[in-house]
Amino acid sequence: MEWIATLRGKVVGVDTMPVIYLLRRTLLLNAKNLTTKMLSQEITEEAARLRARHNLRTPDSIQMATAIHAKASFFLTNDDRLLDLPKPKLLILDKLRVAP
């Protein structure tokens, strides 16, 4: 998983399924710089806008809004339906590629 090294020092939003995938492999359990964000009014308002504009499911809109609020450089996911979103860049775990 050399591609993970390219993320060092970057803020990365993470979708639920990749977290489960990576936790199974204990990658994140030893991560020193892993942080979580509390849900805020600003995040919920952005989530509502994303949900309305892009027809996202509620969990997806909350996760993406949190990544945007945290100024994430990337968002790790397996959900191709998120490709329409303008930011942050998606890392599709199954394809191990950065979406344009």
N, C-alpha and C. Protein backbone atom coordinates (compact mmCIF):
# COMPACT_ATOMS: atom_id res chain seq x y z
N MET A 1 0.83 -1.19 0.00
CA MET A 1 0.00 0.00 0.00
C MET A 1 0.87 1.25 0.00
N GLU A 2 1.75 1.35 -0.95
CA GLU A 2 2.64 2.51 -1.05
C GLU A 2 1.88 3.81 -1.25
N TRP A 3 0.70 3.75 -1.87
CA TRP A 3 -0.06 4.97 -2.14
C TRP A 3 -0.42 5.68 -0.84
N ILE A 4 -0.49 4.97 0.27
CA ILE A 4 -0.83 5.59 1.55
C ILE A 4 0.26 6.57 1.96
N ALA A 5 1.49 6.28 1.62
CA ALA A 5 2.60 7.17 1.97
C ALA A 5 2.42 8.55 1.34
N THR A 6 1.76 8.62 0.19
CA THR A 6 1.55 9.92 -0.46
C THR A 6 0.55 10.77 0.31
N LEU A 7 -0.18 10.18 1.22
CA LEU A 7 -1.18 10.93 2.01
C LEU A 7 -0.59 11.52 3.28
N ARG A 8 0.63 11.16 3.61
CA ARG A 8 1.26 11.64 4.85
C ARG A 8 1.25 13.17 4.87
N GLY A 9 0.75 13.74 5.94
CA GLY A 9 0.70 15.18 6.10
C GLY A 9 -0.52 15.83 5.47
N LYS A 10 -1.38 15.05 4.81
CA LYS A 10 -2.58 15.58 4.17
C LYS A 10 -3.79 15.31 5.06
N VAL A 11 -4.81 16.15 4.94
CA VAL A 11 -6.07 15.89 5.60
C VAL A 11 -6.91 15.07 4.63
N VAL A 12 -7.43 13.95 5.10
CA VAL A 12 -8.18 13.03 4.25
C VAL A 12 -9.51 12.70 4.92
N GLY A 13 -10.61 12.97 4.23
CA GLY A 13 -11.93 12.54 4.70
C GLY A 13 -12.07 11.06 4.38
N VAL A 14 -12.83 10.33 5.19
CA VAL A 14 -12.94 8.90 4.99
C VAL A 14 -14.40 8.46 5.06
N ASP A 15 -14.83 7.71 4.05
CA ASP A 15 -16.15 7.11 4.01
C ASP A 15 -16.16 5.90 4.95
N THR A 16 -17.33 5.44 5.32
CA THR A 16 -17.47 4.37 6.31
C THR A 16 -16.84 3.05 5.89
N MET A 17 -17.12 2.57 4.69
CA MET A 17 -16.62 1.26 4.27
C MET A 17 -15.10 1.17 4.24
N PRO A 18 -14.39 2.17 3.70
CA PRO A 18 -12.93 2.06 3.77
C PRO A 18 -12.38 2.03 5.19
N VAL A 19 -13.06 2.71 6.11
CA VAL A 19 -12.62 2.66 7.51
C VAL A 19 -12.70 1.23 8.01
N ILE A 20 -13.81 0.57 7.73
CA ILE A 20 -13.97 -0.82 8.15
C ILE A 20 -12.90 -1.68 7.50
N TYR A 21 -12.69 -1.47 6.20
CA TYR A 21 -11.69 -2.22 5.45
C TYR A 21 -10.30 -2.03 6.07
N LEU A 22 -9.92 -0.79 6.34
CA LEU A 22 -8.60 -0.52 6.88
C LEU A 22 -8.46 -0.96 8.33
N LEU A 23 -9.53 -0.82 9.11
CA LEU A 23 -9.47 -1.26 10.50
C LEU A 23 -9.24 -2.76 10.58
N ARG A 24 -9.84 -3.48 9.64
CA ARG A 24 -9.63 -4.93 9.63
C ARG A 24 -8.17 -5.27 9.44
N ARG A 25 -7.47 -4.41 8.78
CA ARG A 25 -6.05 -4.65 8.53
C ARG A 25 -5.18 -3.89 9.53
N THR A 26 -5.79 -3.31 10.55
CA THR A 26 -5.15 -2.59 11.66
C THR A 26 -4.27 -1.42 11.22
N LEU A 27 -4.48 -0.93 10.02
CA LEU A 27 -3.69 0.21 9.55
C LEU A 27 -3.95 1.45 10.40
N LEU A 28 -5.22 1.73 10.65
CA LEU A 28 -5.55 2.95 11.38
C LEU A 28 -5.37 2.82 12.88
N LEU A 29 -5.33 1.61 13.38
CA LEU A 29 -5.20 1.44 14.81
C LEU A 29 -3.89 2.00 15.34
N ASN A 30 -2.88 2.03 14.50
CA ASN A 30 -1.57 2.53 14.93
C ASN A 30 -1.27 3.92 14.38
N ALA A 31 -2.22 4.56 13.74
CA ALA A 31 -1.99 5.88 13.14
C ALA A 31 -1.85 6.93 14.24
N LYS A 32 -0.74 7.65 14.21
CA LYS A 32 -0.48 8.66 15.24
C LYS A 32 -1.24 9.96 14.98
N ASN A 33 -1.54 10.24 13.73
CA ASN A 33 -2.16 11.52 13.39
C ASN A 33 -3.64 11.42 13.03
N LEU A 34 -4.30 10.36 13.45
CA LEU A 34 -5.72 10.19 13.18
C LEU A 34 -6.52 11.08 14.13
N THR A 35 -7.39 11.91 13.58
CA THR A 35 -8.25 12.75 14.40
C THR A 35 -9.70 12.55 13.98
N THR A 36 -10.60 12.86 14.86
CA THR A 36 -12.02 12.83 14.55
C THR A 36 -12.57 14.25 14.72
N LYS A 37 -13.67 14.52 14.06
CA LYS A 37 -14.31 15.83 14.15
C LYS A 37 -15.70 15.67 14.75
N MET A 38 -16.03 16.59 15.63
CA MET A 38 -17.38 16.61 16.19
C MET A 38 -18.33 17.24 15.18
N LEU A 39 -19.54 16.75 15.15
CA LEU A 39 -20.56 17.32 14.28
C LEU A 39 -20.92 18.71 14.79
N SER A 40 -20.96 19.67 13.88
CA SER A 40 -21.27 21.06 14.26
C SER A 40 -22.42 21.56 13.40
N GLN A 41 -22.93 22.73 13.76
CA GLN A 41 -24.00 23.36 12.99
C GLN A 41 -23.56 23.61 11.55
N GLU A 42 -22.31 24.07 11.38
CA GLU A 42 -21.80 24.35 10.03
C GLU A 42 -21.73 23.08 9.20
N ILE A 43 -21.29 21.98 9.81
CA ILE A 43 -21.20 20.71 9.08
C ILE A 43 -22.59 20.21 8.71
N THR A 44 -23.55 20.31 9.63
CA THR A 44 -24.90 19.83 9.31
C THR A 44 -25.55 20.66 8.23
N GLU A 45 -25.29 21.97 8.22
CA GLU A 45 -25.85 22.82 7.17
C GLU A 45 -25.22 22.49 5.81
N GLU A 46 -23.91 22.27 5.79
CA GLU A 46 -23.24 21.87 4.54
C GLU A 46 -23.74 20.50 4.09
N ALA A 47 -23.95 19.59 5.03
CA ALA A 47 -24.47 18.27 4.70
C ALA A 47 -25.85 18.38 4.06
N ALA A 48 -26.69 19.25 4.60
CA ALA A 48 -28.03 19.43 4.02
C ALA A 48 -27.94 19.99 2.60
N ARG A 49 -27.02 20.94 2.38
CA ARG A 49 -26.83 21.48 1.02
C ARG A 49 -26.35 20.40 0.06
N LEU A 50 -25.38 19.61 0.48
CA LEU A 50 -24.86 18.53 -0.37
C LEU A 50 -25.94 17.50 -0.68
N ARG A 51 -26.71 17.17 0.33
CA ARG A 51 -27.79 16.18 0.15
C ARG A 51 -28.82 16.68 -0.85
N ALA A 52 -29.18 17.94 -0.75
CA ALA A 52 -30.18 18.51 -1.66
C ALA A 52 -29.63 18.68 -3.07
N ARG A 53 -28.41 19.18 -3.18
CA ARG A 53 -27.80 19.47 -4.48
C ARG A 53 -27.40 18.22 -5.26
N HIS A 54 -26.92 17.22 -4.54
CA HIS A 54 -26.33 16.05 -5.20
C HIS A 54 -27.09 14.75 -4.92
N ASN A 55 -28.23 14.85 -4.26
CA ASN A 55 -29.07 13.69 -3.97
C ASN A 55 -28.30 12.59 -3.23
N LEU A 56 -27.52 13.01 -2.24
CA LEU A 56 -26.72 12.06 -1.46
C LEU A 56 -27.55 11.45 -0.34
N ARG A 57 -27.13 10.28 0.10
CA ARG A 57 -27.71 9.71 1.31
C ARG A 57 -27.18 10.52 2.51
N THR A 58 -27.94 10.54 3.59
CA THR A 58 -27.57 11.35 4.75
C THR A 58 -26.17 11.02 5.28
N PRO A 59 -25.81 9.75 5.49
CA PRO A 59 -24.45 9.49 5.99
C PRO A 59 -23.37 10.01 5.05
N ASP A 60 -23.57 9.84 3.75
CA ASP A 60 -22.58 10.33 2.78
C ASP A 60 -22.45 11.84 2.85
N SER A 61 -23.58 12.53 2.96
CA SER A 61 -23.53 13.99 3.00
C SER A 61 -22.84 14.49 4.27
N ILE A 62 -23.06 13.82 5.39
CA ILE A 62 -22.41 14.22 6.64
C ILE A 62 -20.91 13.97 6.56
N GLN A 63 -20.52 12.82 6.04
CA GLN A 63 -19.10 12.50 5.94
C GLN A 63 -18.39 13.47 5.00
N MET A 64 -19.01 13.77 3.86
CA MET A 64 -18.39 14.67 2.89
C MET A 64 -18.35 16.10 3.44
N ALA A 65 -19.41 16.53 4.10
CA ALA A 65 -19.44 17.87 4.69
C ALA A 65 -18.36 18.01 5.76
N THR A 66 -18.14 16.95 6.52
CA THR A 66 -17.09 16.97 7.54
C THR A 66 -15.72 17.10 6.88
N ALA A 67 -15.50 16.36 5.80
CA ALA A 67 -14.23 16.44 5.08
C ALA A 67 -14.02 17.84 4.51
N ILE A 68 -15.06 18.43 3.95
CA ILE A 68 -14.97 19.78 3.40
C ILE A 68 -14.66 20.78 4.52
N HIS A 69 -15.36 20.66 5.62
CA HIS A 69 -15.17 21.57 6.76
C HIS A 69 -13.74 21.46 7.31
N ALA A 70 -13.18 20.24 7.27
CA ALA A 70 -11.82 20.02 7.78
C ALA A 70 -10.76 20.37 6.73
N LYS A 71 -11.23 20.84 5.56
CA LYS A 71 -10.32 21.18 4.44
C LYS A 71 -9.47 19.97 4.03
N ALA A 72 -10.14 18.81 3.93
CA ALA A 72 -9.46 17.59 3.52
C ALA A 72 -8.97 17.71 2.08
N SER A 73 -7.80 17.21 1.82
CA SER A 73 -7.25 17.18 0.47
C SER A 73 -7.88 16.04 -0.33
N PHE A 74 -8.23 14.96 0.36
CA PHE A 74 -8.78 13.78 -0.28
C PHE A 74 -9.91 13.21 0.56
N PHE A 75 -10.75 12.39 -0.08
CA PHE A 75 -11.81 11.67 0.61
C PHE A 75 -11.70 10.21 0.18
N LEU A 76 -11.45 9.31 1.12
CA LEU A 76 -11.27 7.90 0.85
C LEU A 76 -12.62 7.20 0.86
N THR A 77 -12.96 6.51 -0.22
CA THR A 77 -14.27 5.90 -0.35
C THR A 77 -14.22 4.73 -1.32
N ASN A 78 -15.30 3.97 -1.38
CA ASN A 78 -15.51 2.98 -2.42
C ASN A 78 -16.77 3.32 -3.20
N ASP A 79 -17.32 4.49 -2.97
CA ASP A 79 -18.61 4.90 -3.54
C ASP A 79 -18.42 5.75 -4.79
N ASP A 80 -18.57 5.14 -5.96
CA ASP A 80 -18.44 5.87 -7.23
C ASP A 80 -19.50 6.95 -7.39
N ARG A 81 -20.59 6.86 -6.62
CA ARG A 81 -21.64 7.87 -6.74
C ARG A 81 -21.20 9.24 -6.26
N LEU A 82 -20.09 9.31 -5.56
CA LEU A 82 -19.61 10.59 -5.04
C LEU A 82 -18.72 11.32 -6.05
N LEU A 83 -18.51 10.73 -7.22
CA LEU A 83 -17.61 11.32 -8.21
C LEU A 83 -18.07 12.69 -8.70
N ASP A 84 -19.35 13.00 -8.59
CA ASP A 84 -19.87 14.28 -9.06
C ASP A 84 -19.52 15.45 -8.16
N LEU A 85 -19.08 15.18 -6.96
CA LEU A 85 -18.81 16.26 -6.01
C LEU A 85 -17.52 16.98 -6.39
N PRO A 86 -17.53 18.32 -6.24
CA PRO A 86 -16.40 19.11 -6.69
C PRO A 86 -15.15 18.98 -5.82
N LYS A 87 -15.29 18.72 -4.53
CA LYS A 87 -14.15 18.63 -3.64
C LYS A 87 -14.52 17.82 -2.43
N PRO A 88 -13.60 17.29 -1.72
CA PRO A 88 -12.20 17.10 -2.08
C PRO A 88 -12.05 16.00 -3.12
N LYS A 89 -10.82 15.80 -3.62
CA LYS A 89 -10.60 14.73 -4.59
C LYS A 89 -10.89 13.39 -3.92
N LEU A 90 -11.48 12.48 -4.69
CA LEU A 90 -11.80 11.17 -4.16
C LEU A 90 -10.67 10.19 -4.40
N LEU A 91 -10.42 9.37 -3.40
CA LEU A 91 -9.56 8.21 -3.56
C LEU A 91 -10.49 7.00 -3.50
N ILE A 92 -10.66 6.33 -4.64
CA ILE A 92 -11.53 5.17 -4.71
C ILE A 92 -10.69 3.96 -4.30
N LEU A 93 -10.97 3.42 -3.14
CA LEU A 93 -10.15 2.38 -2.56
C LEU A 93 -10.04 1.16 -3.46
N ASP A 94 -11.15 0.69 -4.02
CA ASP A 94 -11.11 -0.49 -4.88
C ASP A 94 -10.25 -0.26 -6.12
N LYS A 95 -10.22 0.94 -6.60
CA LYS A 95 -9.50 1.25 -7.83
C LYS A 95 -8.12 1.84 -7.57
N LEU A 96 -7.89 2.26 -6.32
CA LEU A 96 -6.62 2.86 -5.93
C LEU A 96 -6.17 3.91 -6.92
N ARG A 97 -7.09 4.83 -7.21
CA ARG A 97 -6.78 5.92 -8.12
C ARG A 97 -7.40 7.19 -7.59
N VAL A 98 -6.85 8.33 -7.96
CA VAL A 98 -7.42 9.62 -7.59
C VAL A 98 -8.37 10.01 -8.70
N ALA A 99 -9.61 10.28 -8.34
CA ALA A 99 -10.60 10.70 -9.34
C ALA A 99 -10.24 12.10 -9.84
N PRO A 100 -10.49 12.37 -11.12
CA PRO A 100 -10.15 13.70 -11.67
C PRO A 100 -10.93 14.82 -11.01
